[in-house]
Amino acid sequence: MKLHELSDNPGATKKRMRVARGPGSGKGKMGGRGIKGQKSRSGVSINGYEGGQMPLYQRLPKRGFNKPNRKAFAVVNLGLIQKFIDLGRLDAASITEDTLVSSGLIRRKKDGIRVLAKGEFTAKATISVTGASAAAVEAVAKAGGALTVATAAAAE
């Protein structure tokens, strides 16, 4: 096989429509824009414009507050941690944020990892994370392990 013998499958490529390039093109003269009006001109930006009426996004009341420096935690459930321990991908003796990431249970740490109590947890594990729900701490303690929250300020 030589380079000049290579070709794409028939029908795999399609020529692009050349708009407003003469009457023979099928999209000539006005190029599919119709006759006159704002949309036929260039530089049109009318998204959200309602013809002079107050737009919907301005009629609705603003609500709540978005904290500019809020923390985004990676969330993991106790049931998933138990599953990874059973599969042998996590060592129950010491589970840290780094081991959770390296095992593939969590993709990235973000501002820290927060453990929630969903699912069954039976392993006697020592877990050290940035945040945890009260129910998760209780569930790990009930199983005979310990769940320590690294920084109290970050867990808020």
C-alpha atoms as a PDB file:
ATOM      1  CA  MET A   1       0.000   0.000   0.000  1.00  0.00           C
ATOM      2  CA  LYS A   2       1.298   3.420  -0.905  1.00  0.00           C
ATOM      3  CA  LEU A   3       0.326   6.877   0.337  1.00  0.00           C
ATOM      4  CA  HIS A   4      -1.315   7.827  -2.960  1.00  0.00           C
ATOM      5  CA  GLU A   5      -3.499   4.701  -2.793  1.00  0.00           C
ATOM      6  CA  LEU A   6      -5.102   5.690   0.530  1.00  0.00           C
ATOM      7  CA  SER A   7      -8.670   7.008   0.356  1.00  0.00           C
ATOM      8  CA  ASP A   8     -11.577   7.477   2.737  1.00  0.00           C
ATOM      9  CA  ASN A   9     -14.650   5.257   2.658  1.00  0.00           C
ATOM     10  CA  PRO A  10     -17.263   6.339   0.091  1.00  0.00           C
ATOM     11  CA  GLY A  11     -19.731   8.732   1.784  1.00  0.00           C
ATOM     12  CA  ALA A  12     -17.469   9.375   4.778  1.00  0.00           C
ATOM     13  CA  THR A  13     -16.759  12.976   3.780  1.00  0.00           C
ATOM     14  CA  LYS A  14     -19.212  15.550   2.520  1.00  0.00           C
ATOM     15  CA  LYS A  15     -18.436  18.893   0.909  1.00  0.00           C
ATOM     16  CA  ARG A  16     -19.525  21.843   3.020  1.00  0.00           C
ATOM     17  CA  MET A  17     -22.348  24.112   1.841  1.00  0.00           C
ATOM     18  CA  ARG A  18     -20.946  27.355   0.477  1.00  0.00           C
ATOM     19  CA  VAL A  19     -23.659  29.807   1.444  1.00  0.00           C
ATOM     20  CA  ALA A  20     -24.422  32.939  -0.632  1.00  0.00           C
ATOM     21  CA  ARG A  21     -22.203  32.038  -3.591  1.00  0.00           C
ATOM     22  CA  GLY A  22     -24.555  32.423  -6.518  1.00  0.00           C
ATOM     23  CA  PRO A  23     -27.928  31.042  -7.652  1.00  0.00           C
ATOM     24  CA  GLY A  24     -26.512  27.682  -8.789  1.00  0.00           C
ATOM     25  CA  SER A  25     -25.439  26.736  -5.263  1.00  0.00           C
ATOM     26  CA  GLY A  26     -28.980  26.306  -3.939  1.00  0.00           C
ATOM     27  CA  LYS A  27     -28.241  28.749  -1.115  1.00  0.00           C
ATOM     28  CA  GLY A  28     -27.498  31.811  -3.215  1.00  0.00           C
ATOM     29  CA  LYS A  29     -28.574  35.460  -3.188  1.00  0.00           C
ATOM     30  CA  MET A  30     -29.669  35.898   0.471  1.00  0.00           C
ATOM     31  CA  GLY A  31     -27.936  32.800   1.827  1.00  0.00           C
ATOM     32  CA  GLY A  32     -30.908  31.319   3.676  1.00  0.00           C
ATOM     33  CA  ARG A  33     -31.471  34.464   5.748  1.00  0.00           C
ATOM     34  CA  GLY A  34     -34.803  35.475   4.208  1.00  0.00           C
ATOM     35  CA  ILE A  35     -35.759  38.999   3.191  1.00  0.00           C
ATOM     36  CA  LYS A  36     -34.819  42.066   5.253  1.00  0.00           C
ATOM     37  CA  GLY A  37     -35.268  42.310   9.016  1.00  0.00           C
ATOM     38  CA  GLN A  38     -32.857  42.245  11.919  1.00  0.00           C
ATOM     39  CA  LYS A  39     -31.884  38.599  11.476  1.00  0.00           C
ATOM     40  CA  SER A  40     -30.835  39.129   7.888  1.00  0.00           C
ATOM     41  CA  ARG A  41     -28.205  41.678   8.926  1.00  0.00           C
ATOM     42  CA  SER A  42     -24.801  40.975  10.432  1.00  0.00           C
ATOM     43  CA  GLY A  43     -24.030  41.591  14.109  1.00  0.00           C
ATOM     44  CA  VAL A  44     -27.331  40.290  15.501  1.00  0.00           C
ATOM     45  CA  SER A  45     -27.425  39.348  19.197  1.00  0.00           C
ATOM     46  CA  ILE A  46     -31.010  38.965  20.348  1.00  0.00           C
ATOM     47  CA  ASN A  47     -30.851  36.033  22.760  1.00  0.00           C
ATOM     48  CA  GLY A  48     -33.132  36.805  25.682  1.00  0.00           C
ATOM     49  CA  TYR A  49     -34.599  39.870  23.939  1.00  0.00           C
ATOM     50  CA  GLU A  50     -38.392  39.939  24.103  1.00  0.00           C
ATOM     51  CA  GLY A  51     -39.238  42.842  21.826  1.00  0.00           C
ATOM     52  CA  GLY A  52     -39.066  45.590  24.430  1.00  0.00           C
ATOM     53  CA  GLN A  53     -40.944  43.615  27.067  1.00  0.00           C
ATOM     54  CA  MET A  54     -39.042  43.114  30.302  1.00  0.00           C
ATOM     55  CA  PRO A  55     -37.157  39.815  29.753  1.00  0.00           C
ATOM     56  CA  LEU A  56     -37.967  36.796  31.892  1.00  0.00           C
ATOM     57  CA  TYR A  57     -34.537  36.696  33.517  1.00  0.00           C
ATOM     58  CA  GLN A  58     -35.052  40.278  34.745  1.00  0.00           C
ATOM     59  CA  ARG A  59     -38.645  39.716  35.900  1.00  0.00           C
ATOM     60  CA  LEU A  60     -37.744  36.887  38.258  1.00  0.00           C
ATOM     61  CA  PRO A  61     -36.495  37.862  41.719  1.00  0.00           C
ATOM     62  CA  LYS A  62     -32.901  37.297  42.699  1.00  0.00           C
ATOM     63  CA  ARG A  63     -32.593  34.809  45.501  1.00  0.00           C
ATOM     64  CA  GLY A  64     -29.940  33.509  47.866  1.00  0.00           C
ATOM     65  CA  PHE A  65     -26.242  34.106  48.025  1.00  0.00           C
ATOM     66  CA  ASN A  66     -23.324  32.444  46.267  1.00  0.00           C
ATOM     67  CA  LYS A  67     -20.282  32.391  48.495  1.00  0.00           C
ATOM     68  CA  PRO A  68     -17.310  33.418  46.310  1.00  0.00           C
ATOM     69  CA  ASN A  69     -14.735  31.446  48.332  1.00  0.00           C
ATOM     70  CA  ARG A  70     -16.803  28.311  48.999  1.00  0.00           C
ATOM     71  CA  LYS A  71     -15.055  24.959  49.184  1.00  0.00           C
ATOM     72  CA  ALA A  72     -15.833  22.129  46.770  1.00  0.00           C
ATOM     73  CA  PHE A  73     -15.366  18.699  48.323  1.00  0.00           C
ATOM     74  CA  ALA A  74     -15.040  15.368  46.548  1.00  0.00           C
ATOM     75  CA  VAL A  75     -17.756  13.174  48.089  1.00  0.00           C
ATOM     76  CA  VAL A  76     -17.419   9.455  48.803  1.00  0.00           C
ATOM     77  CA  ASN A  77     -19.842   7.081  50.527  1.00  0.00           C
ATOM     78  CA  LEU A  78     -18.871   4.503  53.144  1.00  0.00           C
ATOM     79  CA  GLY A  79     -20.490   1.751  51.054  1.00  0.00           C
ATOM     80  CA  LEU A  80     -18.042   2.421  48.211  1.00  0.00           C
ATOM     81  CA  ILE A  81     -15.055   2.440  50.576  1.00  0.00           C
ATOM     82  CA  GLN A  82     -16.249  -0.934  51.940  1.00  0.00           C
ATOM     83  CA  LYS A  83     -16.558  -2.294  48.390  1.00  0.00           C
ATOM     84  CA  PHE A  84     -12.981  -1.240  47.542  1.00  0.00           C
ATOM     85  CA  ILE A  85     -11.690  -2.809  50.793  1.00  0.00           C
ATOM     86  CA  ASP A  86     -13.484  -6.082  49.903  1.00  0.00           C
ATOM     87  CA  LEU A  87     -11.956  -6.015  46.402  1.00  0.00           C
ATOM     88  CA  GLY A  88      -8.505  -5.515  47.915  1.00  0.00           C
ATOM     89  CA  ARG A  89      -7.957  -2.118  46.289  1.00  0.00           C
ATOM     90  CA  LEU A  90      -7.814  -0.321  49.652  1.00  0.00           C
ATOM     91  CA  ASP A  91      -5.944  -1.264  52.813  1.00  0.00           C
ATOM     92  CA  ALA A  92      -8.268  -0.886  55.813  1.00  0.00           C
ATOM     93  CA  ALA A  93      -5.337  -0.230  58.179  1.00  0.00           C
ATOM     94  CA  SER A  94      -4.823   3.349  56.974  1.00  0.00           C
ATOM     95  CA  ILE A  95      -7.048   5.091  54.475  1.00  0.00           C
ATOM     96  CA  THR A  96      -6.005   8.642  53.587  1.00  0.00           C
ATOM     97  CA  GLU A  97      -7.095  11.059  50.873  1.00  0.00           C
ATOM     98  CA  ASP A  98      -4.066  10.075  48.769  1.00  0.00           C
ATOM     99  CA  THR A  99      -4.859   6.348  48.987  1.00  0.00           C
ATOM    100  CA  LEU A 100      -8.474   7.025  47.962  1.00  0.00           C
ATOM    101  CA  VAL A 101      -7.241   8.852  44.842  1.00  0.00           C
ATOM    102  CA  SER A 102      -4.541   6.294  43.970  1.00  0.00           C
ATOM    103  CA  SER A 103      -7.029   3.397  44.320  1.00  0.00           C
ATOM    104  CA  GLY A 104      -9.260   5.048  41.707  1.00  0.00           C
ATOM    105  CA  LEU A 105     -12.220   5.528  44.043  1.00  0.00           C
ATOM    106  CA  ILE A 106     -11.996   9.316  43.620  1.00  0.00           C
ATOM    107  CA  ARG A 107     -10.650  11.135  40.576  1.00  0.00           C
ATOM    108  CA  ARG A 108      -9.272  14.227  42.353  1.00  0.00           C
ATOM    109  CA  LYS A 109      -9.220  15.691  45.847  1.00  0.00           C
ATOM    110  CA  LYS A 110     -10.547  19.186  44.999  1.00  0.00           C
ATOM    111  CA  ASP A 111     -10.561  21.141  48.320  1.00  0.00           C
ATOM    112  CA  GLY A 112     -10.665  17.893  50.301  1.00  0.00           C
ATOM    113  CA  ILE A 113     -12.621  14.674  50.585  1.00  0.00           C
ATOM    114  CA  ARG A 114     -15.856  14.379  52.550  1.00  0.00           C
ATOM    115  CA  VAL A 115     -17.148  10.984  53.690  1.00  0.00           C
ATOM    116  CA  LEU A 116     -20.895  10.334  53.876  1.00  0.00           C
ATOM    117  CA  ALA A 117     -22.666   7.455  55.605  1.00  0.00           C
ATOM    118  CA  LYS A 118     -24.564   5.883  52.686  1.00  0.00           C
ATOM    119  CA  GLY A 119     -24.189   2.113  52.440  1.00  0.00           C
ATOM    120  CA  GLU A 120     -23.085  -0.689  54.759  1.00  0.00           C
ATOM    121  CA  PHE A 121     -19.706  -0.433  56.477  1.00  0.00           C
ATOM    122  CA  THR A 122     -18.242  -3.389  58.388  1.00  0.00           C
ATOM    123  CA  ALA A 123     -14.445  -3.046  58.082  1.00  0.00           C
ATOM    124  CA  LYS A 124     -12.307  -2.050  61.047  1.00  0.00           C
ATOM    125  CA  ALA A 125     -10.678   0.848  59.237  1.00  0.00           C
ATOM    126  CA  THR A 126      -8.711   3.963  60.134  1.00  0.00           C
ATOM    127  CA  ILE A 127      -9.813   6.772  57.846  1.00  0.00           C
ATOM    128  CA  SER A 128      -8.304  10.272  57.723  1.00  0.00           C
ATOM    129  CA  VAL A 129     -10.102  12.853  55.546  1.00  0.00           C
ATOM    130  CA  THR A 130     -10.928  16.569  55.388  1.00  0.00           C
ATOM    131  CA  GLY A 131     -14.609  16.221  56.237  1.00  0.00           C
ATOM    132  CA  ALA A 132     -17.200  13.671  57.328  1.00  0.00           C
ATOM    133  CA  SER A 133     -20.843  13.587  58.307  1.00  0.00           C
ATOM    134  CA  ALA A 134     -21.719  12.773  61.915  1.00  0.00           C
ATOM    135  CA  ALA A 135     -23.491   9.607  60.754  1.00  0.00           C
ATOM    136  CA  ALA A 136     -20.337   8.480  58.895  1.00  0.00           C
ATOM    137  CA  VAL A 137     -18.148   8.976  61.979  1.00  0.00           C
ATOM    138  CA  GLU A 138     -20.684   7.001  64.033  1.00  0.00           C
ATOM    139  CA  ALA A 139     -20.879   4.173  61.461  1.00  0.00           C
ATOM    140  CA  VAL A 140     -17.080   3.740  61.334  1.00  0.00           C
ATOM    141  CA  ALA A 141     -16.850   3.773  65.144  1.00  0.00           C
ATOM    142  CA  LYS A 142     -19.643   1.176  65.346  1.00  0.00           C
ATOM    143  CA  ALA A 143     -17.655  -1.074  62.985  1.00  0.00           C
ATOM    144  CA  GLY A 144     -14.654  -0.803  65.328  1.00  0.00           C
ATOM    145  CA  GLY A 145     -12.630   1.714  63.331  1.00  0.00           C
ATOM    146  CA  ALA A 146     -11.793   5.386  63.596  1.00  0.00           C
ATOM    147  CA  LEU A 147     -12.626   8.259  61.284  1.00  0.00           C
ATOM    148  CA  THR A 148     -10.581  11.393  61.915  1.00  0.00           C
ATOM    149  CA  VAL A 149     -11.304  14.750  60.315  1.00  0.00           C
ATOM    150  CA  ALA A 150      -8.019  16.473  59.454  1.00  0.00           C
ATOM    151  CA  THR A 151      -9.033  20.122  59.787  1.00  0.00           C
ATOM    152  CA  ALA A 152     -12.147  21.285  61.580  1.00  0.00           C
ATOM    153  CA  ALA A 153     -12.143  24.633  59.732  1.00  0.00           C
ATOM    154  CA  ALA A 154     -12.302  23.028  56.291  1.00  0.00           C
ATOM    155  CA  ALA A 155     -15.139  20.665  57.267  1.00  0.00           C
ATOM    156  CA  GLU A 156     -17.630  23.514  57.814  1.00  0.00           C
END
